[in-house]
């Protein structure tokens, strides 16, 4: 495992808000919450994307992919080098900072029965060993809000599930001075969110809008299938208006040229139509350590920092509520 890089944090008199988005592989940050992270970065929030693995077991998924000069994609080391280049371009497109945890991609096991995971991969690293570098990053960067995946991983990839596990562990442990000694001064993040990639509501809205516009929808057969109907829908608590940053998201997606087909699924919906029918990115609030305003049935947050801004303002007045880091 590569040593986790140090992250410098602002030390101005009134520090900006800080958001940490934890993902399993390079390209996940572009397909899950990308427009929202770009929006927050543009608004002056310090945003750090953390990638747990190098994505070195990913295959080429873009039929038009051209290998960068001087690179190869036949070995794990060669794939890692390519994907590091792609990740740097994606972070630049989103306007965010980036850190690697340095673990090795587990790959997606297939077959019945499933084969064992490769030795030394992220999915097999014991929880505390896997969480320690993330706890260190949390204590260095001091995020007010962390986003990651729900306990299912969003889909059953072992690295996505492990990403949830280490994120939940870091959220719980980073503020405890007795946990993970030697990884920096304790810091307690205030809110934990699960990002939602492609909810059925979002896909149905896009499908119905494309059909109404006389366009061919790529989603129809799938969203009406039995498999789709049996997928449990998780609660959406938070809708971040981010249509203005869809272009940044798309540029980040295209940066992962080995993985993302520019003529494929991610670009199937016309962007003006998408902005009209689904201008948000969806999140699920998993835990808050700050008081939150009551919401009416069907009402959503429109800011990941709801409650945080107010709590920090009180802190500045010397009236910090319980749970706000001093």
Protein backbone atom coordinates (compact mmCIF):
# COMPACT_ATOMS: atom_id res chain seq x y z
CA UNK A 1 0.00 0.00 0.00
CA UNK A 2 1.32 3.45 -0.91
CA UNK A 3 1.63 5.97 1.94
CA UNK A 4 -1.32 8.34 2.05
CA UNK A 5 -0.39 11.85 1.02
CA UNK A 6 -0.59 14.76 3.41
CA UNK A 7 -3.32 17.32 2.81
CA UNK A 8 -2.81 20.94 3.81
CA UNK A 9 -5.89 22.71 5.19
CA UNK A 10 -6.71 26.40 5.30
CA UNK A 11 -5.68 28.18 8.49
CA UNK A 12 -7.36 31.50 7.81
CA UNK A 13 -9.09 33.30 10.68
CA UNK A 14 -12.52 32.21 9.41
CA UNK A 15 -11.93 28.89 7.71
CA UNK A 16 -14.13 27.84 4.81
CA UNK A 17 -16.48 24.91 4.92
CA UNK A 18 -14.88 21.59 4.02
CA UNK A 19 -16.36 18.61 2.18
CA UNK A 20 -14.75 15.17 1.80
CA UNK A 21 -16.14 12.79 -0.84
CA UNK A 22 -14.88 9.20 -0.41
CA UNK A 23 -15.00 6.89 -3.44
CA UNK A 24 -13.85 3.38 -4.26
CA UNK A 25 -12.22 3.82 -7.69
CA UNK A 26 -11.11 6.56 -10.05
CA UNK A 27 -14.18 7.47 -12.18
CA UNK A 28 -16.63 6.98 -9.27
CA UNK A 29 -16.18 10.63 -8.33
CA UNK A 30 -17.30 11.57 -11.85
CA UNK A 31 -20.46 9.45 -11.86
CA UNK A 32 -21.65 10.04 -8.28
CA UNK A 33 -22.15 13.56 -6.98
CA UNK A 34 -19.75 15.17 -9.45
CA UNK A 35 -21.85 18.21 -10.29
CA UNK A 36 -22.52 18.87 -6.61
CA UNK A 37 -18.83 18.67 -5.69
CA UNK A 38 -17.99 21.01 -8.57
CA UNK A 39 -20.70 23.41 -7.38
CA UNK A 40 -19.39 23.46 -3.82
CA UNK A 41 -15.81 23.93 -4.98
CA UNK A 42 -16.88 26.86 -7.17
CA UNK A 43 -18.76 28.33 -4.19
CA UNK A 44 -15.57 28.43 -2.11
CA UNK A 45 -16.00 25.20 -0.14
CA UNK A 46 -12.76 23.23 0.22
CA UNK A 47 -13.51 19.90 -1.46
CA UNK A 48 -11.29 16.84 -1.17
CA UNK A 49 -12.07 13.73 -3.21
CA UNK A 50 -10.55 10.59 -1.70
CA UNK A 51 -10.09 7.48 -3.84
CA UNK A 52 -9.56 4.23 -1.96
CA UNK A 53 -8.04 2.13 -4.77
CA UNK A 54 -6.13 2.69 -7.98
CA UNK A 55 -8.76 1.05 -10.17
CA UNK A 56 -6.01 -1.14 -11.60
CA UNK A 57 -8.27 -4.14 -12.20
CA UNK A 58 -10.66 -2.21 -14.41
CA UNK A 59 -10.94 -3.29 -18.03
CA UNK A 60 -11.08 -0.92 -21.00
CA UNK A 61 -14.79 -0.10 -21.33
CA UNK A 62 -14.58 2.58 -24.02
CA UNK A 63 -14.32 1.10 -27.55
CA UNK A 64 -12.78 4.35 -28.82
CA UNK A 65 -10.09 4.50 -26.13
CA UNK A 66 -6.60 5.38 -27.31
CA UNK A 67 -3.76 4.46 -24.98
CA UNK A 68 -1.68 7.50 -23.96
CA UNK A 69 1.76 7.53 -25.53
CA UNK A 70 4.36 5.76 -23.42
CA UNK A 71 1.79 3.75 -21.44
CA UNK A 72 0.50 0.18 -21.40
CA UNK A 73 -2.65 -1.44 -20.04
CA UNK A 74 -1.54 -5.06 -19.74
CA UNK A 75 -0.19 -5.03 -16.19
CA UNK A 76 -1.62 -3.75 -12.93
CA UNK A 77 1.17 -1.19 -12.77
CA UNK A 78 0.44 0.01 -16.29
CA UNK A 79 -3.28 0.31 -15.65
CA UNK A 80 -2.64 2.16 -12.41
CA UNK A 81 -0.45 4.70 -14.20
CA UNK A 82 -3.12 5.34 -16.84
CA UNK A 83 -5.88 5.68 -14.31
CA UNK A 84 -3.83 8.09 -12.20
CA UNK A 85 -3.51 10.33 -15.25
CA UNK A 86 -7.25 10.13 -15.83
CA UNK A 87 -8.02 10.89 -12.19
CA UNK A 88 -5.83 14.00 -12.24
CA UNK A 89 -7.76 15.32 -15.26
CA UNK A 90 -11.08 14.58 -13.58
CA UNK A 91 -10.10 16.44 -10.41
CA UNK A 92 -9.04 19.41 -12.50
CA UNK A 93 -12.38 19.38 -14.35
CA UNK A 94 -14.28 19.43 -11.05
CA UNK A 95 -12.02 22.00 -9.43
CA UNK A 96 -11.37 19.76 -6.42
CA UNK A 97 -8.36 18.48 -4.54
CA UNK A 98 -7.62 14.76 -4.56
CA UNK A 99 -5.93 12.11 -2.41
CA UNK A 100 -5.31 8.40 -2.90
CA UNK A 101 -5.57 5.95 -0.01
CA UNK A 102 -3.30 3.61 -1.98
CA UNK A 103 -5.14 0.28 -1.77
CA UNK A 104 -5.29 -2.25 -4.63
CA UNK A 105 -8.49 -2.69 -6.63
CA UNK A 106 -10.32 -5.94 -5.77
CA UNK A 107 -11.92 -6.35 -9.19
CA UNK A 108 -15.54 -7.44 -9.60
CA UNK A 109 -15.79 -11.22 -9.05
CA UNK A 110 -18.09 -13.02 -11.47
CA UNK A 111 -19.37 -16.57 -11.67
CA UNK A 112 -21.37 -19.05 -9.63
CA UNK A 113 -19.90 -19.67 -7.17
CA UNK A 114 -17.98 -16.40 -7.02
CA UNK A 115 -14.19 -16.78 -7.11
CA UNK A 116 -12.13 -15.59 -4.13
CA UNK A 117 -10.87 -12.01 -4.13
CA UNK A 118 -7.23 -11.46 -5.15
CA UNK A 119 -4.70 -11.62 -2.35
CA UNK A 120 -3.80 -8.21 -0.93
CA UNK A 121 -6.75 -6.37 -2.45
CA UNK A 122 -8.79 -3.67 -0.71
CA UNK A 123 -11.74 -5.94 -0.05
CA UNK A 124 -9.60 -8.27 2.07
CA UNK A 125 -7.80 -5.65 4.18
CA UNK A 126 -8.96 -5.77 7.83
CA UNK A 127 -11.26 -2.89 8.71
CA UNK A 128 -8.98 -1.00 11.10
CA UNK A 129 -6.00 -1.32 8.77
CA UNK A 130 -8.11 -0.12 5.85
CA UNK A 131 -9.62 2.74 7.87
CA UNK A 132 -6.42 4.11 9.40
CA UNK A 133 -5.25 6.15 6.37
CA UNK A 134 -8.74 7.63 5.98
CA UNK A 135 -8.87 8.56 9.67
CA UNK A 136 -5.50 10.27 9.17
CA UNK A 137 -6.86 12.22 6.21
CA UNK A 138 -9.99 13.23 8.12
CA UNK A 139 -7.83 14.54 10.96
CA UNK A 140 -5.61 16.43 8.50
CA UNK A 141 -8.31 17.88 6.25
CA UNK A 142 -10.93 18.35 8.99
CA UNK A 143 -14.10 18.02 6.88
CA UNK A 144 -17.41 19.24 8.21
CA UNK A 145 -19.28 16.87 5.89
CA UNK A 146 -18.33 13.45 4.48
CA UNK A 147 -20.08 11.72 1.58
CA UNK A 148 -19.72 8.07 0.65
CA UNK A 149 -21.81 4.99 -0.34
CA UNK A 150 -24.66 3.31 1.50
CA UNK A 151 -24.01 -0.05 3.23
CA UNK A 152 -24.81 -1.97 0.02
CA UNK A 153 -22.11 -0.03 -1.81
CA UNK A 154 -24.76 1.17 -4.24
CA UNK A 155 -24.16 -2.12 -6.02
CA UNK A 156 -22.39 -5.22 -4.70
CA UNK A 157 -18.82 -4.46 -5.71
CA UNK A 158 -16.52 -5.48 -2.83
CA UNK A 159 -14.61 -2.20 -3.03
CA UNK A 160 -17.80 -0.13 -2.85
CA UNK A 161 -18.96 -2.02 0.21
CA UNK A 162 -15.52 -1.65 1.81
CA UNK A 163 -15.54 2.05 0.93
CA UNK A 164 -18.74 2.42 2.95
CA UNK A 165 -17.25 0.48 5.84
CA UNK A 166 -14.06 2.56 6.10
CA UNK A 167 -15.98 5.82 5.66
CA UNK A 168 -18.43 4.94 8.42
CA UNK A 169 -15.53 3.88 10.65
CA UNK A 170 -13.62 7.09 10.01
CA UNK A 171 -16.72 9.21 10.67
CA UNK A 172 -17.26 7.41 13.97
CA UNK A 173 -13.64 7.24 15.12
CA UNK A 174 -11.80 10.35 13.90
CA UNK A 175 -13.05 12.48 16.79
CA UNK A 176 -12.09 9.95 19.48
CA UNK A 177 -8.59 10.60 20.89
CA UNK A 178 -8.41 6.98 22.06
CA UNK A 179 -8.85 5.60 18.52
CA UNK A 180 -6.12 5.36 15.88
CA UNK A 181 -3.26 6.90 17.90
CA UNK A 182 -0.50 8.51 15.88
CA UNK A 183 -2.76 9.71 13.07
CA UNK A 184 -3.14 13.33 14.16
CA UNK A 185 -5.30 15.47 16.38
CA UNK A 186 -8.92 14.27 16.70
CA UNK A 187 -11.51 15.87 14.44
CA UNK A 188 -15.23 15.11 14.54
CA UNK A 189 -17.07 15.58 11.22
CA UNK A 190 -20.61 16.90 11.62
CA UNK A 191 -22.63 15.14 8.91
CA UNK A 192 -22.37 11.90 6.94
CA UNK A 193 -24.22 11.40 3.64
CA UNK A 194 -24.68 8.55 1.19
CA UNK A 195 -24.65 9.67 -2.42
CA UNK A 196 -27.23 8.17 -4.77
CA UNK A 197 -26.06 7.47 -8.29
CA UNK A 198 -29.04 6.63 -10.47
CA UNK A 199 -32.30 6.37 -8.56
CA UNK A 200 -35.33 4.87 -10.25
CA UNK A 201 -37.14 8.19 -9.89
CA UNK A 202 -34.37 9.92 -11.81
CA UNK A 203 -34.29 7.28 -14.55
CA UNK A 204 -38.07 7.28 -14.91
CA UNK A 205 -38.16 11.08 -15.14
CA UNK A 206 -35.54 11.02 -17.89
CA UNK A 207 -37.28 8.16 -19.72
CA UNK A 208 -40.69 9.83 -19.68
CA UNK A 209 -39.25 13.17 -20.80
CA UNK A 210 -37.33 11.60 -23.68
CA UNK A 211 -40.37 9.63 -24.79
CA UNK A 212 -42.56 12.75 -24.64
CA UNK A 213 -39.99 14.59 -26.77
CA UNK A 214 -40.04 11.83 -29.38
CA UNK A 215 -36.55 10.65 -28.51
CA UNK A 216 -35.44 7.05 -28.09
CA UNK A 217 -34.88 6.32 -24.41
CA UNK A 218 -32.21 3.81 -23.35
CA UNK A 219 -33.99 3.18 -20.05
CA UNK A 220 -37.47 1.91 -20.98
CA UNK A 221 -37.01 -1.85 -21.06
CA UNK A 222 -34.81 -1.83 -17.99
CA UNK A 223 -36.90 0.33 -15.65
CA UNK A 224 -39.98 -1.76 -16.42
CA UNK A 225 -38.17 -5.04 -15.83
CA UNK A 226 -38.80 -7.26 -12.84
CA UNK A 227 -35.21 -6.77 -11.67
CA UNK A 228 -35.65 -2.99 -11.60
CA UNK A 229 -39.00 -3.19 -9.80
CA UNK A 230 -37.43 -5.32 -7.07
CA UNK A 231 -34.56 -2.91 -6.35
CA UNK A 232 -35.24 -1.31 -2.97
CA UNK A 233 -35.24 2.47 -3.18
CA UNK A 234 -33.31 4.22 -0.43
CA UNK A 235 -34.62 7.41 1.13
CA UNK A 236 -33.57 10.66 -0.51
CA UNK A 237 -33.28 13.45 2.05
CA UNK A 238 -31.30 15.99 0.08
CA UNK A 239 -31.49 17.38 -3.46
CA UNK A 240 -28.59 19.62 -4.46
CA UNK A 241 -29.42 21.89 -7.42
CA UNK A 242 -26.42 21.38 -9.70
CA UNK A 243 -27.54 21.66 -13.34
CA UNK A 244 -25.16 24.57 -13.84
CA UNK A 245 -22.30 22.13 -13.23
CA UNK A 246 -23.42 19.23 -15.42
CA UNK A 247 -20.78 20.30 -17.96
CA UNK A 248 -18.08 19.93 -15.28
CA UNK A 249 -19.44 16.47 -14.47
CA UNK A 250 -19.35 15.51 -18.14
CA UNK A 251 -15.79 16.74 -18.52
CA UNK A 252 -14.80 14.66 -15.49
CA UNK A 253 -16.49 11.61 -16.99
CA UNK A 254 -14.69 12.05 -20.31
CA UNK A 255 -11.40 12.39 -18.42
CA UNK A 256 -11.71 8.67 -17.57
CA UNK A 257 -11.25 7.73 -21.20
CA UNK A 258 -10.44 4.07 -20.53
CA UNK A 259 -13.73 3.60 -18.68
CA UNK A 260 -16.34 5.98 -20.11
CA UNK A 261 -17.69 5.74 -23.66
CA UNK A 262 -18.50 9.31 -24.78
CA UNK A 263 -21.31 7.83 -26.90
CA UNK A 264 -22.59 5.62 -24.09
CA UNK A 265 -25.03 5.47 -21.20
CA UNK A 266 -23.81 8.47 -19.24
CA UNK A 267 -24.44 10.81 -22.16
CA UNK A 268 -27.74 9.35 -23.37
CA UNK A 269 -29.98 12.11 -22.00
CA UNK A 270 -29.82 15.53 -23.72
CA UNK A 271 -28.41 17.92 -21.16
CA UNK A 272 -31.05 20.62 -21.64
CA UNK A 273 -33.77 18.03 -21.06
CA UNK A 274 -31.95 16.64 -18.01
CA UNK A 275 -31.59 20.13 -16.54
CA UNK A 276 -35.32 20.66 -17.01
CA UNK A 277 -36.62 17.43 -15.45
CA UNK A 278 -33.87 16.46 -12.98
CA UNK A 279 -31.56 19.38 -12.13
CA UNK A 280 -30.40 17.86 -8.84
CA UNK A 281 -28.00 15.35 -7.38
CA UNK A 282 -29.44 13.12 -4.67
CA UNK A 283 -28.11 12.32 -1.22
CA UNK A 284 -29.30 10.44 1.85
CA UNK A 285 -28.44 11.90 5.26
CA UNK A 286 -27.02 9.04 7.32
CA UNK A 287 -26.01 10.90 10.48
CA UNK A 288 -25.91 14.46 11.80
CA UNK A 289 -24.18 15.75 14.91
CA UNK A 290 -25.77 19.18 14.60
CA UNK A 291 -29.41 20.19 15.09
CA UNK A 292 -31.43 20.30 11.88
CA UNK A 293 -34.60 22.22 11.01
CA UNK A 294 -37.78 20.20 10.81
CA UNK A 295 -38.91 19.33 7.28
CA UNK A 296 -42.46 18.92 6.08
CA UNK A 297 -43.38 15.58 4.45
CA UNK A 298 -41.85 15.46 0.98
CA UNK A 299 -39.53 18.41 1.69
CA UNK A 300 -35.81 17.97 1.04
CA UNK A 301 -32.65 19.69 2.15
CA UNK A 302 -31.00 21.68 -0.65
CA UNK A 303 -27.58 21.98 1.00
CA UNK A 304 -25.22 19.38 2.46
CA UNK A 305 -24.21 22.02 5.02
CA UNK A 306 -27.71 22.60 6.38
CA UNK A 307 -27.28 22.92 10.13
CA UNK A 308 -23.51 23.11 9.80
CA UNK A 309 -23.47 26.72 8.69
CA UNK A 310 -25.71 27.67 11.61
CA UNK A 311 -23.69 25.64 14.11
CA UNK A 312 -20.42 27.22 13.02
CA UNK A 313 -21.96 30.68 13.19
CA UNK A 314 -22.97 29.97 16.80
CA UNK A 315 -19.47 28.69 17.45
CA UNK A 316 -18.09 32.01 16.23
CA UNK A 317 -20.32 33.70 18.77
CA UNK A 318 -18.93 31.48 21.51
CA UNK A 319 -22.17 29.46 21.65
CA UNK A 320 -21.20 26.20 19.97
CA UNK A 321 -23.92 23.52 20.19
CA UNK A 322 -23.00 20.04 21.33
CA UNK A 323 -21.16 18.09 18.69
CA UNK A 324 -19.43 21.05 17.02
CA UNK A 325 -15.62 20.69 17.04
CA UNK A 326 -13.92 23.40 19.06
